[in-house]
Protein backbone atom coordinates (compact mmCIF):
# COMPACT_ATOMS: atom_id res chain seq x y z
CA MET A 1 88.22 89.25 117.59
CA LEU A 2 90.88 86.99 116.31
CA MET A 3 88.78 85.16 114.10
CA THR A 4 87.10 88.38 112.89
CA LEU A 5 90.51 89.97 112.05
CA SER A 6 91.71 86.85 110.64
CA VAL A 7 88.76 86.42 108.27
CA GLY A 8 89.01 90.26 107.02
CA TRP A 9 92.76 89.72 106.32
CA ALA A 10 91.99 86.40 104.24
CA VAL A 11 89.21 88.12 102.17
CA LEU A 12 91.46 90.94 101.35
CA GLN A 13 94.19 88.81 100.51
CA ALA A 14 92.06 86.68 98.31
CA GLY A 15 91.41 89.91 96.32
CA ARG A 16 95.15 90.72 96.07
CA PHE A 17 96.34 87.24 95.17
CA VAL A 18 93.48 86.59 92.41
CA LEU A 19 95.34 89.32 90.45
CA SER A 20 98.40 86.90 90.40
CA PRO A 21 96.74 83.96 88.17
CA LEU A 22 94.71 86.42 86.43
CA LEU A 23 97.70 88.49 85.45
CA PRO A 24 98.14 87.05 81.62
CA THR A 25 94.64 87.87 81.03
CA ILE A 26 94.90 91.34 82.50
CA ILE A 27 97.80 91.96 80.63
CA THR A 28 96.36 91.05 77.23
CA ASP A 29 92.96 92.82 78.08
CA LEU A 30 94.75 96.45 79.06
CA GLY A 31 97.38 95.88 76.36
CA ILE A 32 100.48 96.06 78.69
CA THR A 33 103.39 94.39 79.15
CA GLU A 34 105.03 92.22 82.38
CA ALA A 35 107.05 95.11 83.04
CA THR A 36 104.24 97.66 83.24
CA ALA A 37 102.02 95.04 85.29
CA GLY A 38 104.90 94.87 87.47
CA LEU A 39 105.16 98.57 87.99
CA ALA A 40 101.29 98.93 89.06
CA PHE A 41 101.77 96.09 91.68
CA THR A 42 104.86 98.20 92.84
CA ALA A 43 102.70 101.22 93.21
CA LEU A 44 100.23 98.89 95.30
CA GLY A 45 103.21 97.82 97.57
CA GLY A 46 104.50 101.28 97.74
CA VAL A 47 101.53 102.62 99.36
CA TYR A 48 100.78 99.92 101.50
CA ALA A 49 104.45 100.37 102.78
CA VAL A 50 104.39 103.91 103.32
CA ALA A 51 100.97 103.54 105.42
CA GLN A 52 102.36 101.11 107.95
CA TYR A 53 104.26 103.45 110.04
CA PRO A 54 101.50 106.25 110.34
CA SER A 55 98.93 103.46 110.89
CA GLY A 56 100.88 101.75 113.72
CA ARG A 57 102.00 104.96 115.44
CA LEU A 58 98.57 106.26 115.29
CA SER A 59 96.87 102.91 116.69
CA ASP A 60 99.14 103.23 119.59
CA ARG A 61 98.00 106.88 120.49
CA TRP A 62 94.25 106.42 119.45
CA THR A 63 92.65 103.16 119.45
CA ARG A 64 93.21 99.93 117.05
CA THR A 65 89.48 100.30 115.92
CA THR A 66 89.95 103.90 114.82
CA LEU A 67 92.19 102.85 112.10
CA ILE A 68 90.77 99.38 111.43
CA VAL A 69 87.55 100.47 110.39
CA PRO A 70 88.26 103.22 107.88
CA GLY A 71 90.99 100.73 106.60
CA LEU A 72 88.25 98.21 105.76
CA GLY A 73 86.33 100.98 104.15
CA VAL A 74 89.00 102.03 101.86
CA LEU A 75 89.47 98.33 100.81
CA VAL A 76 85.83 97.94 99.54
CA GLY A 77 86.21 101.23 97.56
CA GLY A 78 89.40 99.69 96.08
CA PHE A 79 88.03 96.27 95.03
CA LEU A 80 84.97 98.08 93.45
CA LEU A 81 87.41 100.02 91.34
CA TYR A 82 89.04 96.83 90.16
CA GLY A 83 85.56 95.46 89.21
CA VAL A 84 85.34 98.62 86.74
CA ALA A 85 88.82 99.32 85.52
CA ALA A 86 88.70 99.10 81.76
CA SER A 87 92.16 101.04 81.26
CA TYR A 88 95.58 100.70 82.61
CA LEU A 89 95.02 104.24 84.43
CA LEU A 90 92.15 102.97 86.33
CA PHE A 91 93.82 99.70 87.28
CA VAL A 92 96.79 101.67 88.68
CA VAL A 93 94.31 103.87 90.64
CA ALA A 94 92.59 100.83 92.12
CA CYS A 95 96.17 99.49 93.25
CA VAL A 96 96.88 102.44 94.93
CA VAL A 97 93.39 102.79 96.73
CA VAL A 98 93.80 98.81 97.77
CA GLY A 99 97.34 99.52 98.83
CA LEU A 100 96.12 102.32 101.29
CA GLY A 101 93.26 100.23 102.84
CA LYS A 102 95.71 97.44 103.51
CA GLY A 103 98.31 99.86 104.98
CA LEU A 104 95.57 101.33 107.31
CA PHE A 105 94.19 97.76 108.30
CA ALA A 106 97.43 95.61 108.38
CA ILE A 107 99.29 96.99 111.43
CA PRO A 108 96.44 97.97 113.95
CA SER A 109 94.74 94.52 113.26
CA ARG A 110 98.02 92.62 114.14
CA ALA A 111 98.83 94.87 117.01
CA LEU A 112 95.13 94.30 118.38
CA VAL A 113 95.97 90.61 118.24
CA SER A 114 99.29 90.79 119.78
CA ASP A 115 97.42 92.92 122.54
CA ARG A 116 95.21 90.18 123.54
CA TYR A 117 97.79 87.21 123.20
CA VAL A 118 100.89 87.90 125.19
CA GLU A 119 102.06 84.48 126.17
CA ARG A 120 100.93 82.87 123.06
CA ARG A 121 101.76 85.61 120.58
CA GLY A 122 103.66 83.59 118.04
CA ARG A 123 100.82 81.14 117.79
CA ALA A 124 98.08 83.87 117.66
CA LEU A 125 100.19 85.78 115.14
CA GLY A 126 100.51 82.41 113.08
CA VAL A 127 96.55 81.87 113.00
CA PHE A 128 95.95 85.62 111.72
CA ALA A 129 98.88 85.17 109.01
CA ALA A 130 97.07 82.04 108.10
CA GLY A 131 94.52 84.26 106.63
CA THR A 132 96.70 85.13 103.82
CA ASP A 133 96.67 81.44 102.73
CA VAL A 134 93.03 80.90 103.12
CA GLY A 135 92.94 84.13 100.85
CA GLY A 136 95.41 82.47 98.55
CA LEU A 137 93.43 79.19 98.09
CA LEU A 138 90.25 81.17 97.84
CA ALA A 139 91.99 83.19 94.90
CA SER A 140 93.16 80.14 93.07
CA GLY A 141 89.70 78.65 92.83
CA VAL A 142 88.14 81.65 92.00
CA ALA A 143 90.65 82.35 89.11
CA VAL A 144 90.23 78.72 87.78
CA VAL A 145 86.37 79.60 87.34
CA VAL A 146 86.98 83.02 86.09
CA LEU A 147 89.60 81.97 83.50
CA SER A 148 86.96 79.51 82.08
CA SER A 149 83.83 81.46 82.17
CA ALA A 150 84.31 85.23 82.83
CA THR A 151 86.14 88.43 82.46
CA TRP A 152 88.90 89.15 84.99
CA HIS A 153 86.72 91.77 86.47
CA ALA A 154 84.15 89.23 88.06
CA PRO A 155 85.48 88.51 91.37
CA PHE A 156 86.02 92.05 92.70
CA VAL A 157 82.56 93.06 93.46
CA PRO A 158 81.84 89.96 95.54
CA ILE A 159 85.15 90.54 97.53
CA ALA A 160 84.20 94.51 98.15
CA VAL A 161 80.74 92.96 99.39
CA ALA A 162 82.18 90.14 101.82
CA LEU A 163 84.76 93.19 103.04
CA GLY A 164 81.68 95.37 103.67
CA LEU A 165 80.35 92.62 105.90
CA VAL A 166 83.40 92.01 107.87
CA THR A 167 83.52 95.81 108.51
CA LEU A 168 79.81 95.69 110.02
CA LEU A 169 80.85 92.61 112.30
CA PHE A 170 83.86 94.28 113.47
CA VAL A 171 81.89 97.46 114.13
CA ARG A 172 79.42 95.19 116.07
CA TRP A 173 81.87 93.36 118.21
CA THR A 174 84.49 95.62 118.88
CA ASP A 175 84.77 97.01 122.47
CA GLU A 176 87.16 99.80 121.86
CA PRO A 177 86.25 103.69 121.35
CA TYR A 178 87.03 105.79 118.67
CA ARG A 179 89.44 108.48 119.40
CA VAL A 180 91.35 111.04 117.26
CA GLU A 181 93.72 113.75 118.90
CA ARG A 182 96.63 115.53 117.67
CA THR A 183 99.73 113.09 117.81
CA ASP A 184 103.21 113.49 116.89
CA LEU A 185 104.61 110.55 114.54
CA GLU A 186 108.18 110.47 116.05
CA LEU A 187 109.40 108.61 113.13
CA ALA A 188 113.00 109.65 114.48
CA THR A 189 112.56 108.40 117.46
CA THR A 190 111.32 104.94 116.35
CA VAL A 191 114.01 104.49 113.77
CA ARG A 192 116.71 105.25 116.30
CA ARG A 193 115.45 102.59 118.56
CA LEU A 194 114.81 99.94 115.82
CA VAL A 195 118.70 100.45 114.55
CA ALA A 196 120.19 100.75 118.09
CA SER A 197 121.91 97.29 118.01
CA SER A 198 123.75 95.20 115.58
CA GLY A 199 121.31 92.35 115.99
CA GLN A 200 118.24 94.36 115.18
CA ARG A 201 119.89 95.98 112.25
CA ARG A 202 120.76 92.50 110.64
CA THR A 203 116.96 91.44 111.18
CA LEU A 204 115.71 94.26 109.73
CA VAL A 205 118.22 93.64 106.54
CA ALA A 206 117.25 90.06 106.47
CA TYR A 207 113.65 90.42 106.18
CA ALA A 208 114.09 93.11 103.84
CA LEU A 209 115.59 90.69 101.77
CA PHE A 210 112.86 88.31 102.39
CA TYR A 211 110.19 90.63 101.51
CA PHE A 212 111.82 91.58 98.35
CA MET A 213 111.77 87.99 97.20
CA VAL A 214 108.00 87.30 98.16
CA GLY A 215 106.96 90.75 96.24
CA GLY A 216 108.64 89.43 92.90
CA PHE A 217 107.83 85.67 93.30
CA ILE A 218 104.18 85.49 94.45
CA THR A 219 103.31 88.20 91.66
CA PHE A 220 104.64 86.03 88.71
CA PHE A 221 104.83 82.75 90.18
CA PRO A 222 101.68 81.38 87.92
CA THR A 223 103.24 83.56 85.09
CA TYR A 224 106.45 81.74 85.14
CA LEU A 225 105.10 78.42 85.50
CA ALA A 226 102.74 78.91 82.24
CA GLY A 227 105.78 80.37 80.47
CA ALA A 228 108.72 78.65 81.54
CA LYS A 229 107.26 75.10 82.99
CA GLY A 230 104.71 74.54 80.49
CA PHE A 231 101.83 74.59 82.50
CA SER A 232 98.32 75.29 81.42
CA ALA A 233 96.71 78.39 83.14
CA SER A 234 94.30 76.51 85.07
CA LEU A 235 97.19 74.06 86.44
CA ALA A 236 99.36 76.96 87.34
CA SER A 237 96.57 78.19 89.47
CA VAL A 238 96.47 75.07 91.22
CA ALA A 239 100.03 75.21 91.96
CA PHE A 240 99.58 78.67 93.22
CA ALA A 241 97.00 77.20 95.51
CA VAL A 242 99.44 74.43 96.73
CA VAL A 243 101.82 77.37 98.06
CA PHE A 244 98.83 78.74 99.97
CA ALA A 245 97.49 75.46 101.37
CA VAL A 246 100.84 74.79 102.82
CA GLY A 247 101.18 78.12 104.36
CA PHE A 248 97.61 77.42 106.14
CA GLY A 249 99.36 74.66 108.05
CA VAL A 250 102.98 75.96 108.34
CA LYS A 251 102.27 79.43 109.87
CA PRO A 252 100.56 78.22 113.12
CA LEU A 253 102.93 75.38 113.59
CA ALA A 254 105.89 77.74 112.98
CA GLY A 255 104.64 80.34 115.22
CA ASP A 256 104.29 77.76 117.95
CA LEU A 257 107.63 76.36 117.25
CA SER A 258 109.11 80.22 117.73
CA ASP A 259 107.21 80.19 121.21
CA ARG A 260 108.91 77.18 122.35
CA PHE A 261 112.49 77.95 120.64
CA ARG A 262 114.53 80.62 119.62
CA ARG A 263 112.54 82.59 116.95
CA GLN A 264 115.67 83.36 114.95
CA ASP A 265 116.81 79.67 114.62
CA VAL A 266 113.36 78.46 113.48
CA ALA A 267 113.57 81.43 111.02
CA ALA A 268 116.87 80.64 109.60
CA ALA A 269 116.05 77.01 109.05
CA GLY A 270 112.96 78.07 107.18
CA LEU A 271 114.81 80.85 104.95
CA GLY A 272 117.72 78.05 104.11
CA VAL A 273 115.10 75.51 102.96
CA ALA A 274 113.29 77.91 100.94
CA ALA A 275 116.61 79.10 99.22
CA LEU A 276 117.61 75.96 97.89
CA ALA A 277 114.16 74.94 96.72
CA LEU A 278 113.95 77.96 94.76
CA VAL A 279 117.35 77.55 93.18
CA THR A 280 116.18 73.97 92.23
CA LEU A 281 112.82 75.23 90.87
CA VAL A 282 115.07 77.30 88.29
CA PHE A 283 116.70 74.23 87.04
CA VAL A 284 114.50 71.41 87.14
CA GLU A 285 112.82 70.47 84.01
CA SER A 286 110.41 67.30 85.23
CA THR A 287 106.88 68.21 86.11
CA VAL A 288 107.10 66.09 89.18
CA LEU A 289 110.14 67.96 90.52
CA THR A 290 108.53 71.22 89.83
CA TRP A 291 105.58 70.23 92.07
CA VAL A 292 108.02 68.86 94.76
CA THR A 293 110.29 71.80 94.73
CA THR A 294 107.10 74.17 94.95
CA LEU A 295 105.85 72.43 97.88
CA VAL A 296 109.41 72.53 99.84
CA LEU A 297 109.84 76.26 98.84
CA ALA A 298 106.25 76.92 100.31
CA ILE A 299 107.11 75.22 103.63
CA GLY A 300 110.42 77.10 104.07
CA TYR A 301 109.08 80.73 102.93
CA LYS A 302 105.77 80.44 104.60
CA THR A 303 107.44 79.98 108.11
CA GLN A 304 108.66 83.38 108.20
CA PHE A 305 105.54 85.72 108.21
CA PRO A 306 104.40 85.41 111.81
CA LEU A 307 108.13 84.82 112.92
CA ALA A 308 109.22 88.57 111.33
CA ASP A 309 106.18 90.09 113.34
CA ALA A 310 106.81 88.37 116.47
CA ILE A 311 110.62 88.97 116.45
CA VAL A 312 109.93 92.83 115.93
CA MET A 313 107.29 92.89 118.78
CA ASP A 314 109.22 90.88 121.04
CA ALA A 315 111.77 93.85 121.15
CA ALA A 316 109.16 96.84 121.30
CA PRO A 317 108.52 98.63 124.48
CA ASP A 318 105.13 99.01 126.20
CA GLY A 319 102.96 101.56 124.42
CA GLY A 320 105.17 101.38 121.13
CA MET A 321 104.28 98.01 119.61
CA GLY A 322 102.43 99.57 116.77
CA ALA A 323 104.96 101.92 115.86
CA ASP A 324 107.88 99.69 115.85
CA LEU A 325 106.13 97.21 113.89
CA GLY A 326 104.71 99.57 111.71
CA ALA A 327 108.37 101.04 111.19
CA ALA A 328 109.75 97.70 110.38
CA ARG A 329 107.20 96.48 108.20
CA ALA A 330 107.29 99.86 105.90
CA LEU A 331 110.78 98.90 105.29
CA PHE A 332 109.96 95.25 104.45
CA LEU A 333 107.13 96.01 102.49
CA ALA A 334 108.72 98.97 100.55
CA ALA A 335 111.40 96.05 99.49
CA SER A 336 108.45 93.95 98.65
CA ALA A 337 107.05 96.57 96.40
CA VAL A 338 110.10 96.73 94.62
CA GLY A 339 109.89 93.06 93.80
CA PRO A 340 107.44 92.82 91.05
CA ALA A 341 109.03 95.62 89.12
CA TYR A 342 112.29 93.74 89.48
CA VAL A 343 110.98 90.41 88.26
CA GLY A 344 108.87 91.97 85.70
CA ILE A 345 111.88 94.00 84.09
CA VAL A 346 114.48 90.86 84.38
CA ALA A 347 112.09 88.43 83.27
CA THR A 348 111.26 90.76 80.03
CA TYR A 349 114.96 91.25 79.19
CA ALA A 350 117.09 88.46 80.59
CA GLY A 351 114.41 85.62 81.42
CA TYR A 352 112.87 84.13 84.64
CA ALA A 353 115.99 82.08 85.46
CA VAL A 354 117.87 84.96 86.28
CA ALA A 355 115.17 86.66 87.89
CA PHE A 356 114.22 83.88 90.37
CA GLY A 357 117.87 82.59 90.61
CA SER A 358 118.80 86.18 92.11
CA LEU A 359 115.74 85.87 94.49
CA ALA A 360 117.18 82.55 95.85
CA GLY A 361 120.51 84.59 96.54
CA CYS A 362 118.48 87.08 98.65
CA LEU A 363 116.86 84.22 100.65
CA LEU A 364 120.44 82.69 101.48
CA VAL A 365 121.69 86.06 102.73
CA ALA A 366 118.80 86.51 104.63
CA ALA A 367 118.95 83.07 106.41
CA LEU A 368 122.59 84.02 107.35
CA LEU A 369 121.72 87.39 108.58
CA VAL A 370 118.87 86.03 110.95
CA TRP A 371 120.70 83.31 112.01
CA ARG A 372 123.66 85.48 113.60
């Protein structure tokens, strides 16, 4: 089940991340600007964020499977829409549908993994989160092929088909029943529990800042390299792939370290390294130094994904893990959803140095909050 869910996460993330290296082509084809492109990605992230808490809460009260299967089905429809989107409006609709599908899938799948790996939660979540990096690597390779020989629509129908196959495998192998019943979401109770202590409040603020950085950085990183660092579109896609290649190895290792040592200490160290690397990336002009700082940045910020989930789950009560994780990730991903719009607008009117430099400041503040 861990591998099935991880593969599903990898495939849907490949579909999401292939949009980033294709973004310059999409902007040209649809006749839009970086600012309007950022707003489309904000719509995706916003719907994804809003769906986090209901899907987590309902998966606690119903079953994980009852949310995961519809989520995969919605994702199939969303990627098919990308495959035929010929206008900005339809592109935005596809973003909204994919955001909804991700929201239905993300929390119940993580909760199901956590249900089955209690003592090794950090490591298991690291394996699951590494699916993001497998998806990013696939996306980078696909983007290189598409940019040289096809339209930007080409990858999305195969991604929809692959998700359909994952859905069939999950339905075949799950041992949970399907159950739907009237349920009170109890959002206020969950929120009060999450903000009950100053330590939890600092954690929420820290990871909101972190996800804000991630949303803006990952969407525009290939475009930044092409525009500010003189990379070709294909070379920018390779650099994009390096970020995910690093994450594939770092996430399980970070999760394992957090099972052995204090999670917050491991997290703060990673955030500090990422902040320093992002500041350096803005100022270096050498191609070699750009590659080195990209590598260090990836090592620092990729540690955070399994740790953020594990820190929230560690503090969750029995029977409320999905709700707590859903509410926390709703906050994190709402911040992430604002990131692309922020970077797109700031880059359009003030330049990428200002946009990415301010994201480094967010990482530094997050490191200090988590460490406390």
